[in-house]
C-alpha atoms as a PDB file:
ATOM      1  CA  MET A   1      -5.510   5.941  19.833  1.00  0.00           C
ATOM      2  CA  SER A   2      -8.186   3.334  20.439  1.00  0.00           C
ATOM      3  CA  ASN A   3      -8.310   0.112  18.441  1.00  0.00           C
ATOM      4  CA  ASN A   4     -11.508   1.377  16.781  1.00  0.00           C
ATOM      5  CA  ASN A   5      -9.333   3.836  14.863  1.00  0.00           C
ATOM      6  CA  LEU A   6      -6.800   1.259  13.671  1.00  0.00           C
ATOM      7  CA  HIS A   7      -7.473  -0.521  10.389  1.00  0.00           C
ATOM      8  CA  GLU A   8      -5.402  -3.542   9.363  1.00  0.00           C
ATOM      9  CA  LEU A   9      -4.792  -5.419   6.148  1.00  0.00           C
ATOM     10  CA  ASP A  10      -3.007  -8.736   6.769  1.00  0.00           C
ATOM     11  CA  LEU A  11      -1.264 -10.016   3.647  1.00  0.00           C
ATOM     12  CA  HIS A  12       0.013 -13.286   5.119  1.00  0.00           C
ATOM     13  CA  GLY A  13      -0.797 -16.064   2.668  1.00  0.00           C
ATOM     14  CA  VAL A  14      -1.793 -13.662  -0.136  1.00  0.00           C
ATOM     15  CA  ALA A  15      -0.266 -14.259  -3.573  1.00  0.00           C
ATOM     16  CA  HIS A  16       2.060 -11.490  -4.726  1.00  0.00           C
ATOM     17  CA  ASP A  17      -0.058 -10.815  -7.828  1.00  0.00           C
ATOM     18  CA  GLU A  18      -3.067  -9.964  -5.606  1.00  0.00           C
ATOM     19  CA  VAL A  19      -1.269  -7.579  -3.226  1.00  0.00           C
ATOM     20  CA  GLU A  20      -1.420  -4.321  -5.204  1.00  0.00           C
ATOM     21  CA  SER A  21      -5.165  -4.614  -5.784  1.00  0.00           C
ATOM     22  CA  LEU A  22      -5.816  -5.380  -2.108  1.00  0.00           C
ATOM     23  CA  CYS A  23      -3.700  -2.384  -1.058  1.00  0.00           C
ATOM     24  CA  HIS A  24      -5.703  -0.071  -3.334  1.00  0.00           C
ATOM     25  CA  LYS A  25      -9.013  -1.405  -1.974  1.00  0.00           C
ATOM     26  CA  PHE A  26      -7.768  -0.934   1.598  1.00  0.00           C
ATOM     27  CA  MET A  27      -6.613   2.619   0.888  1.00  0.00           C
ATOM     28  CA  SER A  28      -9.879   3.537  -0.855  1.00  0.00           C
ATOM     29  CA  LYS A  29     -11.972   2.155   1.996  1.00  0.00           C
ATOM     30  CA  HIS A  30     -10.192   4.152   4.718  1.00  0.00           C
ATOM     31  CA  TRP A  31      -9.103   7.254   2.789  1.00  0.00           C
ATOM     32  CA  CYS A  32      -9.670  10.501   4.774  1.00  0.00           C
ATOM     33  CA  SER A  33     -10.897   8.585   7.834  1.00  0.00           C
ATOM     34  CA  GLN A  34      -8.399  10.404  10.095  1.00  0.00           C
ATOM     35  CA  ASP A  35      -7.389   6.965  11.417  1.00  0.00           C
ATOM     36  CA  GLU A  36      -4.224   4.890  11.489  1.00  0.00           C
ATOM     37  CA  GLY A  37      -3.723   1.863   9.269  1.00  0.00           C
ATOM     38  CA  HIS A  38      -1.358  -1.094   9.231  1.00  0.00           C
ATOM     39  CA  ILE A  39      -0.557  -3.320   6.279  1.00  0.00           C
ATOM     40  CA  ILE A  40       1.031  -6.509   7.559  1.00  0.00           C
ATOM     41  CA  THR A  41       3.551  -7.887   5.073  1.00  0.00           C
ATOM     42  CA  GLY A  42       5.648 -10.342   7.028  1.00  0.00           C
ATOM     43  CA  ASN A  43       9.333 -10.406   6.110  1.00  0.00           C
ATOM     44  CA  SER A  44       9.026 -10.990   2.349  1.00  0.00           C
ATOM     45  CA  LEU A  45      11.114  -8.380   0.525  1.00  0.00           C
ATOM     46  CA  ILE A  46       8.987  -8.811  -2.606  1.00  0.00           C
ATOM     47  CA  MET A  47       5.794  -8.197  -0.608  1.00  0.00           C
ATOM     48  CA  LYS A  48       7.317  -5.087   0.992  1.00  0.00           C
ATOM     49  CA  GLU A  49       8.361  -3.724  -2.410  1.00  0.00           C
ATOM     50  CA  ILE A  50       4.861  -4.208  -3.842  1.00  0.00           C
ATOM     51  CA  VAL A  51       3.254  -2.505  -0.836  1.00  0.00           C
ATOM     52  CA  THR A  52       5.749   0.380  -0.911  1.00  0.00           C
ATOM     53  CA  ASN A  53       5.081   0.979  -4.610  1.00  0.00           C
ATOM     54  CA  ALA A  54       1.314   0.919  -4.016  1.00  0.00           C
ATOM     55  CA  LEU A  55       1.527   3.358  -1.078  1.00  0.00           C
ATOM     56  CA  LYS A  56       3.713   5.775  -3.023  1.00  0.00           C
ATOM     57  CA  GLN A  57       0.789   6.308  -5.411  1.00  0.00           C
ATOM     58  CA  TYR A  58      -1.099   8.114  -2.608  1.00  0.00           C
ATOM     59  CA  ASP A  59      -0.385  11.406  -0.904  1.00  0.00           C
ATOM     60  CA  ILE A  60      -0.098   9.703   2.469  1.00  0.00           C
ATOM     61  CA  ARG A  61       2.432   9.540   5.263  1.00  0.00           C
ATOM     62  CA  PHE A  62       3.686   5.998   5.907  1.00  0.00           C
ATOM     63  CA  GLU A  63       6.612   4.188   7.465  1.00  0.00           C
ATOM     64  CA  GLU A  64       7.930   0.664   7.823  1.00  0.00           C
ATOM     65  CA  GLY A  65       7.501  -0.927  11.260  1.00  0.00           C
ATOM     66  CA  GLN A  66      10.114  -0.771  13.985  1.00  0.00           C
ATOM     67  CA  LEU A  67      13.411  -2.654  14.085  1.00  0.00           C
ATOM     68  CA  ASN A  68      11.989  -5.354  16.348  1.00  0.00           C
ATOM     69  CA  ASN A  69       8.978  -5.813  14.019  1.00  0.00           C
ATOM     70  CA  ALA A  70       9.645  -4.633  10.468  1.00  0.00           C
ATOM     71  CA  GLY A  71       6.952  -6.885   8.977  1.00  0.00           C
ATOM     72  CA  TYR A  72       4.333  -4.170   8.567  1.00  0.00           C
ATOM     73  CA  TYR A  73       3.720  -0.662   7.275  1.00  0.00           C
ATOM     74  CA  ARG A  74       2.022   2.038   9.306  1.00  0.00           C
ATOM     75  CA  MET A  75       0.115   4.868   7.654  1.00  0.00           C
ATOM     76  CA  TRP A  76      -2.120   7.771   8.640  1.00  0.00           C
ATOM     77  CA  PHE A  77      -5.283   8.497   6.686  1.00  0.00           C
ATOM     78  CA  GLU A  78      -5.329  12.280   7.012  1.00  0.00           C
END
Protein backbone atom coordinates (compact mmCIF):
# COMPACT_ATOMS: atom_id res chain seq x y z
CA MET A 1 0.00 0.00 0.00
CA SER A 2 1.44 3.38 -0.91
CA ASN A 3 1.62 6.21 1.62
CA ASN A 4 -1.04 8.06 -0.40
CA ASN A 5 -3.55 5.51 0.90
CA LEU A 6 -2.57 5.85 4.56
CA HIS A 7 -4.34 8.47 6.64
CA GLU A 8 -3.07 9.37 10.12
CA LEU A 9 -4.48 11.17 13.12
CA ASP A 10 -1.78 11.96 15.69
CA LEU A 11 -3.24 12.55 19.15
CA HIS A 12 0.03 13.41 20.90
CA GLY A 13 -0.53 16.54 22.96
CA VAL A 14 -4.33 16.47 22.51
CA ALA A 15 -6.47 16.86 25.64
CA HIS A 16 -8.51 13.77 26.50
CA ASP A 17 -11.79 15.71 26.27
CA GLU A 18 -11.05 16.54 22.59
CA VAL A 19 -10.14 13.01 21.46
CA GLU A 20 -13.59 11.54 20.76
CA SER A 21 -14.61 14.48 18.57
CA LEU A 22 -11.34 14.32 16.61
CA CYS A 23 -11.78 10.57 16.08
CA HIS A 24 -15.29 11.09 14.69
CA LYS A 25 -14.08 13.84 12.33
CA PHE A 26 -11.24 11.59 11.14
CA MET A 27 -13.58 8.66 10.57
CA SER A 28 -16.13 10.81 8.71
CA LYS A 29 -13.46 12.30 6.46
CA HIS A 30 -12.05 8.94 5.33
CA TRP A 31 -15.14 6.72 5.55
CA CYS A 32 -15.48 4.35 2.54
CA SER A 33 -12.17 5.54 1.05
CA GLN A 34 -10.90 1.95 0.75
CA ASP A 35 -7.71 3.14 2.48
CA GLU A 36 -5.88 2.33 5.70
CA GLY A 37 -5.86 4.66 8.68
CA HIS A 38 -3.78 5.02 11.82
CA ILE A 39 -4.75 6.83 14.99
CA ILE A 40 -1.62 7.48 17.03
CA THR A 41 -2.36 7.41 20.75
CA GLY A 42 0.99 7.02 22.43
CA ASN A 43 0.99 4.81 25.53
CA SER A 44 -1.76 6.54 27.53
CA LEU A 45 -4.30 3.93 28.64
CA ILE A 46 -6.98 6.61 28.96
CA MET A 47 -6.33 7.79 25.39
CA LYS A 48 -6.50 4.20 24.11
CA GLU A 49 -9.80 3.61 25.91
CA ILE A 50 -11.35 6.76 24.42
CA VAL A 51 -10.20 5.82 20.91
CA THR A 52 -11.40 2.22 21.28
CA ASN A 53 -14.85 3.39 22.41
CA ALA A 54 -15.06 5.83 19.49
CA LEU A 55 -14.02 3.19 16.93
CA LYS A 56 -16.53 0.67 18.27
CA GLN A 57 -19.31 3.04 17.18
CA TYR A 58 -18.43 2.29 13.52
CA ASP A 59 -18.77 -0.90 11.53
CA ILE A 60 -15.05 -0.98 10.84
CA ARG A 61 -12.22 -3.44 11.27
CA PHE A 62 -9.47 -2.15 13.57
CA GLU A 63 -6.64 -3.42 15.72
CA GLU A 64 -4.12 -2.09 18.20
CA GLY A 65 -0.54 -1.77 16.93
CA GLN A 66 2.06 -4.49 17.29
CA LEU A 67 3.83 -5.52 20.49
CA ASN A 68 6.90 -3.44 19.66
CA ASN A 69 4.71 -0.37 18.96
CA ALA A 70 1.31 -0.54 20.67
CA GLY A 71 0.86 3.24 20.65
CA TYR A 72 -1.49 3.36 17.68
CA TYR A 73 -4.62 1.84 16.18
CA ARG A 74 -4.83 0.60 12.61
CA MET A 75 -8.12 0.52 10.72
CA TRP A 76 -9.38 -0.17 7.21
CA PHE A 77 -11.97 2.10 5.63
CA GLU A 78 -13.84 -0.47 3.57
